[in-house]
Amino acid sequence: MKAIGYLLWGIYKLILGCWLEPILNRSFRRAFAEDIRRAMPFLFERYGAKIIRDPSPESNDPYQDYVTLGASNLVFKFSKWRDENFAIDVSPTYAPGDSRKLVDAIRAVNPAEKATGSISDVSWRPWGKILEPNFALLQEAFKEDNYAATKEKVSQVG
């Protein structure tokens, strides 16, 4: 009986794990990115955002959903748990695994920004409202020549 179970499990993993699961994951990432496109069209239209491979998938919580977008010289990792607990991390393209919380990065590059740690737990739109006016500041701060100082500022803010 155990042998049949192992055989069925192997067939299941072969069919779903090697073939169907990657297709479903890709489809899900596209739908997730489309949610972000509707909430933050400027990322795609002005800055050419594209879905990219996650630079640090090993650090992902298995109970959360993730999509990573590259836009200009920045990498954004969007995460959510079901349809709540929304979060965004940002990193430079030359060091995509060295990410910072978007809210902390924005507060570091624009001290006048009043953003709080939990902008919205239920929608991407409020995130877009603070990201759009601060995008150029983030681009400049995350350039290779400026990044060491930016990291220091972000650690002081966070």
C-alpha atoms as a PDB file:
ATOM      1  CA  MET A   1       0.000   0.000   0.000  1.00  0.00           C
ATOM      2  CA  LYS A   2       2.862   2.388   0.840  1.00  0.00           C
ATOM      3  CA  ALA A   3       4.512   1.605  -2.481  1.00  0.00           C
ATOM      4  CA  ILE A   4       1.363   2.666  -4.351  1.00  0.00           C
ATOM      5  CA  GLY A   5       1.259   5.886  -2.315  1.00  0.00           C
ATOM      6  CA  TYR A   6       4.882   6.672  -3.153  1.00  0.00           C
ATOM      7  CA  LEU A   7       4.248   5.888  -6.814  1.00  0.00           C
ATOM      8  CA  LEU A   8       1.207   8.188  -6.954  1.00  0.00           C
ATOM      9  CA  TRP A   9       3.107  10.934  -5.114  1.00  0.00           C
ATOM     10  CA  GLY A  10       5.973  10.630  -7.596  1.00  0.00           C
ATOM     11  CA  ILE A  11       3.594  10.870 -10.562  1.00  0.00           C
ATOM     12  CA  TYR A  12       1.873  13.867  -8.970  1.00  0.00           C
ATOM     13  CA  LYS A  13       5.192  15.669  -8.397  1.00  0.00           C
ATOM     14  CA  LEU A  14       6.379  14.853 -11.901  1.00  0.00           C
ATOM     15  CA  ILE A  15       3.256  16.168 -13.589  1.00  0.00           C
ATOM     16  CA  LEU A  16       2.414  19.075 -11.315  1.00  0.00           C
ATOM     17  CA  GLY A  17       5.824  19.938  -9.925  1.00  0.00           C
ATOM     18  CA  CYS A  18       7.674  19.978 -13.236  1.00  0.00           C
ATOM     19  CA  TRP A  19       5.003  21.097 -15.625  1.00  0.00           C
ATOM     20  CA  LEU A  20       1.836  22.596 -14.174  1.00  0.00           C
ATOM     21  CA  GLU A  21       3.213  24.366 -11.105  1.00  0.00           C
ATOM     22  CA  PRO A  22       5.616  26.684 -13.018  1.00  0.00           C
ATOM     23  CA  ILE A  23       2.812  27.618 -15.412  1.00  0.00           C
ATOM     24  CA  LEU A  24       0.461  28.402 -12.533  1.00  0.00           C
ATOM     25  CA  ASN A  25       3.152  30.407 -10.718  1.00  0.00           C
ATOM     26  CA  ARG A  26       3.898  32.468 -13.825  1.00  0.00           C
ATOM     27  CA  SER A  27       0.199  33.108 -14.371  1.00  0.00           C
ATOM     28  CA  PHE A  28      -0.220  34.137 -10.745  1.00  0.00           C
ATOM     29  CA  ARG A  29       2.775  36.539 -10.909  1.00  0.00           C
ATOM     30  CA  ARG A  30       1.308  38.153 -14.015  1.00  0.00           C
ATOM     31  CA  ALA A  31      -2.057  38.636 -12.292  1.00  0.00           C
ATOM     32  CA  PHE A  32      -0.313  40.054  -9.211  1.00  0.00           C
ATOM     33  CA  ALA A  33       1.693  42.439 -11.413  1.00  0.00           C
ATOM     34  CA  GLU A  34      -1.527  43.468 -13.167  1.00  0.00           C
ATOM     35  CA  ASP A  35      -2.999  44.451  -9.769  1.00  0.00           C
ATOM     36  CA  ILE A  36       0.054  46.637  -9.242  1.00  0.00           C
ATOM     37  CA  ARG A  37      -0.212  48.058 -12.778  1.00  0.00           C
ATOM     38  CA  ARG A  38      -3.782  49.180 -12.094  1.00  0.00           C
ATOM     39  CA  ALA A  39      -2.772  50.821  -8.809  1.00  0.00           C
ATOM     40  CA  MET A  40       0.562  52.268 -10.001  1.00  0.00           C
ATOM     41  CA  PRO A  41       0.450  52.707 -13.777  1.00  0.00           C
ATOM     42  CA  PHE A  42       3.355  55.178 -13.651  1.00  0.00           C
ATOM     43  CA  LEU A  43       5.732  52.314 -12.772  1.00  0.00           C
ATOM     44  CA  PHE A  44       5.022  50.627 -16.092  1.00  0.00           C
ATOM     45  CA  GLU A  45       4.306  53.593 -18.342  1.00  0.00           C
ATOM     46  CA  ARG A  46       6.995  56.018 -17.184  1.00  0.00           C
ATOM     47  CA  TYR A  47       9.657  53.714 -15.733  1.00  0.00           C
ATOM     48  CA  GLY A  48       9.188  50.546 -17.822  1.00  0.00           C
ATOM     49  CA  ALA A  49       8.552  48.128 -14.939  1.00  0.00           C
ATOM     50  CA  LYS A  50       8.849  44.452 -15.842  1.00  0.00           C
ATOM     51  CA  ILE A  51       8.466  41.246 -13.855  1.00  0.00           C
ATOM     52  CA  ILE A  52      11.910  39.899 -12.981  1.00  0.00           C
ATOM     53  CA  ARG A  53      13.194  36.850 -11.149  1.00  0.00           C
ATOM     54  CA  ASP A  54      13.104  37.149  -7.372  1.00  0.00           C
ATOM     55  CA  PRO A  55      16.688  37.874  -6.215  1.00  0.00           C
ATOM     56  CA  SER A  56      16.188  36.182  -2.838  1.00  0.00           C
ATOM     57  CA  PRO A  57      13.380  33.590  -3.004  1.00  0.00           C
ATOM     58  CA  GLU A  58      14.892  31.655  -0.099  1.00  0.00           C
ATOM     59  CA  SER A  59      13.904  34.469   2.274  1.00  0.00           C
ATOM     60  CA  ASN A  60      10.240  34.433   1.226  1.00  0.00           C
ATOM     61  CA  ASP A  61       7.554  33.426   3.690  1.00  0.00           C
ATOM     62  CA  PRO A  62       5.754  30.409   2.190  1.00  0.00           C
ATOM     63  CA  TYR A  63       2.408  31.835   3.327  1.00  0.00           C
ATOM     64  CA  GLN A  64       2.807  35.113   1.422  1.00  0.00           C
ATOM     65  CA  ASP A  65       2.612  35.974  -2.250  1.00  0.00           C
ATOM     66  CA  TYR A  66       5.445  37.812  -3.983  1.00  0.00           C
ATOM     67  CA  VAL A  67       6.191  39.511  -7.268  1.00  0.00           C
ATOM     68  CA  THR A  68       9.397  41.336  -8.133  1.00  0.00           C
ATOM     69  CA  LEU A  69       9.516  44.204 -10.604  1.00  0.00           C
ATOM     70  CA  GLY A  70      12.496  45.942 -12.121  1.00  0.00           C
ATOM     71  CA  ALA A  71      11.929  49.611 -12.945  1.00  0.00           C
ATOM     72  CA  SER A  72      14.725  51.935 -13.982  1.00  0.00           C
ATOM     73  CA  ASN A  73      17.681  51.297 -11.624  1.00  0.00           C
ATOM     74  CA  LEU A  74      15.434  49.911  -8.865  1.00  0.00           C
ATOM     75  CA  VAL A  75      14.083  46.488  -7.905  1.00  0.00           C
ATOM     76  CA  PHE A  76      10.766  46.364  -6.067  1.00  0.00           C
ATOM     77  CA  LYS A  77       9.620  43.260  -4.237  1.00  0.00           C
ATOM     78  CA  PHE A  78       5.890  43.353  -3.543  1.00  0.00           C
ATOM     79  CA  SER A  79       4.410  40.999  -0.971  1.00  0.00           C
ATOM     80  CA  LYS A  80       1.039  40.321   0.531  1.00  0.00           C
ATOM     81  CA  TRP A  81      -0.667  37.749   2.652  1.00  0.00           C
ATOM     82  CA  ARG A  82      -4.031  36.947   1.104  1.00  0.00           C
ATOM     83  CA  ASP A  83      -5.423  40.411   0.415  1.00  0.00           C
ATOM     84  CA  GLU A  84      -3.849  42.144   3.389  1.00  0.00           C
ATOM     85  CA  ASN A  85      -0.468  42.903   4.953  1.00  0.00           C
ATOM     86  CA  PHE A  86       0.848  44.605   1.809  1.00  0.00           C
ATOM     87  CA  ALA A  87       4.554  45.478   1.788  1.00  0.00           C
ATOM     88  CA  ILE A  88       7.213  46.658  -0.650  1.00  0.00           C
ATOM     89  CA  ASP A  89      10.976  46.332  -0.407  1.00  0.00           C
ATOM     90  CA  VAL A  90      13.315  48.261  -2.686  1.00  0.00           C
ATOM     91  CA  SER A  91      16.894  47.606  -3.735  1.00  0.00           C
ATOM     92  CA  PRO A  92      19.304  48.774  -6.444  1.00  0.00           C
ATOM     93  CA  THR A  93      19.595  46.680  -9.619  1.00  0.00           C
ATOM     94  CA  TYR A  94      23.319  46.086  -9.025  1.00  0.00           C
ATOM     95  CA  ALA A  95      22.585  44.633  -5.531  1.00  0.00           C
ATOM     96  CA  PRO A  96      19.049  43.209  -5.764  1.00  0.00           C
ATOM     97  CA  GLY A  97      19.417  41.097  -2.635  1.00  0.00           C
ATOM     98  CA  ASP A  98      20.277  44.151  -0.491  1.00  0.00           C
ATOM     99  CA  SER A  99      16.735  45.423   0.012  1.00  0.00           C
ATOM    100  CA  ARG A 100      15.216  48.028   2.309  1.00  0.00           C
ATOM    101  CA  LYS A 101      11.613  48.647   3.313  1.00  0.00           C
ATOM    102  CA  LEU A 102      10.181  51.154   0.864  1.00  0.00           C
ATOM    103  CA  VAL A 103       8.672  53.343   3.584  1.00  0.00           C
ATOM    104  CA  ASP A 104      12.026  53.627   5.380  1.00  0.00           C
ATOM    105  CA  ALA A 105      13.844  54.356   2.100  1.00  0.00           C
ATOM    106  CA  ILE A 106      11.394  57.107   1.186  1.00  0.00           C
ATOM    107  CA  ARG A 107      11.589  58.666   4.630  1.00  0.00           C
ATOM    108  CA  ALA A 108      15.395  58.598   4.379  1.00  0.00           C
ATOM    109  CA  VAL A 109      15.511  60.333   0.985  1.00  0.00           C
ATOM    110  CA  ASN A 110      12.629  62.707   1.748  1.00  0.00           C
ATOM    111  CA  PRO A 111      12.476  63.577   5.471  1.00  0.00           C
ATOM    112  CA  ALA A 112       9.355  65.686   4.842  1.00  0.00           C
ATOM    113  CA  GLU A 113       7.427  62.535   3.842  1.00  0.00           C
ATOM    114  CA  LYS A 114       4.886  61.603   6.493  1.00  0.00           C
ATOM    115  CA  ALA A 115       4.566  57.946   5.427  1.00  0.00           C
ATOM    116  CA  THR A 116       4.107  55.418   8.194  1.00  0.00           C
ATOM    117  CA  GLY A 117       5.189  51.808   8.395  1.00  0.00           C
ATOM    118  CA  SER A 118       1.808  50.402   7.396  1.00  0.00           C
ATOM    119  CA  ILE A 119       0.562  52.642   4.611  1.00  0.00           C
ATOM    120  CA  SER A 120      -2.206  50.283   3.638  1.00  0.00           C
ATOM    121  CA  ASP A 121      -2.931  46.716   4.455  1.00  0.00           C
ATOM    122  CA  VAL A 122      -5.649  46.346   1.842  1.00  0.00           C
ATOM    123  CA  SER A 123      -4.653  48.272  -1.313  1.00  0.00           C
ATOM    124  CA  TRP A 124      -1.637  49.153  -3.443  1.00  0.00           C
ATOM    125  CA  ARG A 125      -2.996  52.629  -4.308  1.00  0.00           C
ATOM    126  CA  PRO A 126      -1.739  54.411  -1.157  1.00  0.00           C
ATOM    127  CA  TRP A 127       1.691  52.895  -1.800  1.00  0.00           C
ATOM    128  CA  GLY A 128       1.643  54.359  -5.292  1.00  0.00           C
ATOM    129  CA  LYS A 129       0.698  57.776  -3.936  1.00  0.00           C
ATOM    130  CA  ILE A 130       3.879  57.954  -1.859  1.00  0.00           C
ATOM    131  CA  LEU A 131       6.112  56.171  -4.381  1.00  0.00           C
ATOM    132  CA  GLU A 132       5.304  58.269  -7.449  1.00  0.00           C
ATOM    133  CA  PRO A 133       6.438  61.683  -6.116  1.00  0.00           C
ATOM    134  CA  ASN A 134       9.518  60.125  -4.495  1.00  0.00           C
ATOM    135  CA  PHE A 135      10.627  57.855  -7.353  1.00  0.00           C
ATOM    136  CA  ALA A 136      13.256  60.248  -8.742  1.00  0.00           C
ATOM    137  CA  LEU A 137      14.725  60.714  -5.249  1.00  0.00           C
ATOM    138  CA  LEU A 138      14.965  56.931  -4.838  1.00  0.00           C
ATOM    139  CA  GLN A 139      16.610  56.583  -8.256  1.00  0.00           C
ATOM    140  CA  GLU A 140      19.299  59.062  -7.280  1.00  0.00           C
ATOM    141  CA  ALA A 141      19.778  57.661  -3.767  1.00  0.00           C
ATOM    142  CA  PHE A 142      20.107  54.075  -5.002  1.00  0.00           C
ATOM    143  CA  LYS A 143      22.771  54.858  -7.606  1.00  0.00           C
ATOM    144  CA  GLU A 144      25.985  53.008  -6.851  1.00  0.00           C
ATOM    145  CA  ASP A 145      27.889  56.165  -5.875  1.00  0.00           C
ATOM    146  CA  ASN A 146      25.198  57.228  -3.387  1.00  0.00           C
ATOM    147  CA  TYR A 147      24.066  53.885  -2.004  1.00  0.00           C
ATOM    148  CA  ALA A 148      26.421  53.636   0.988  1.00  0.00           C
ATOM    149  CA  ALA A 149      25.152  56.957   2.347  1.00  0.00           C
ATOM    150  CA  THR A 150      21.560  55.937   1.565  1.00  0.00           C
ATOM    151  CA  LYS A 151      21.921  52.666   3.479  1.00  0.00           C
ATOM    152  CA  GLU A 152      23.187  54.597   6.478  1.00  0.00           C
ATOM    153  CA  LYS A 153      20.253  57.037   6.330  1.00  0.00           C
ATOM    154  CA  VAL A 154      17.723  54.214   5.968  1.00  0.00           C
ATOM    155  CA  SER A 155      19.141  52.369   8.988  1.00  0.00           C
ATOM    156  CA  GLN A 156      18.793  55.563  11.054  1.00  0.00           C
ATOM    157  CA  VAL A 157      15.177  56.055   9.938  1.00  0.00           C
ATOM    158  CA  GLY A 158      14.131  52.420  10.391  1.00  0.00           C
END
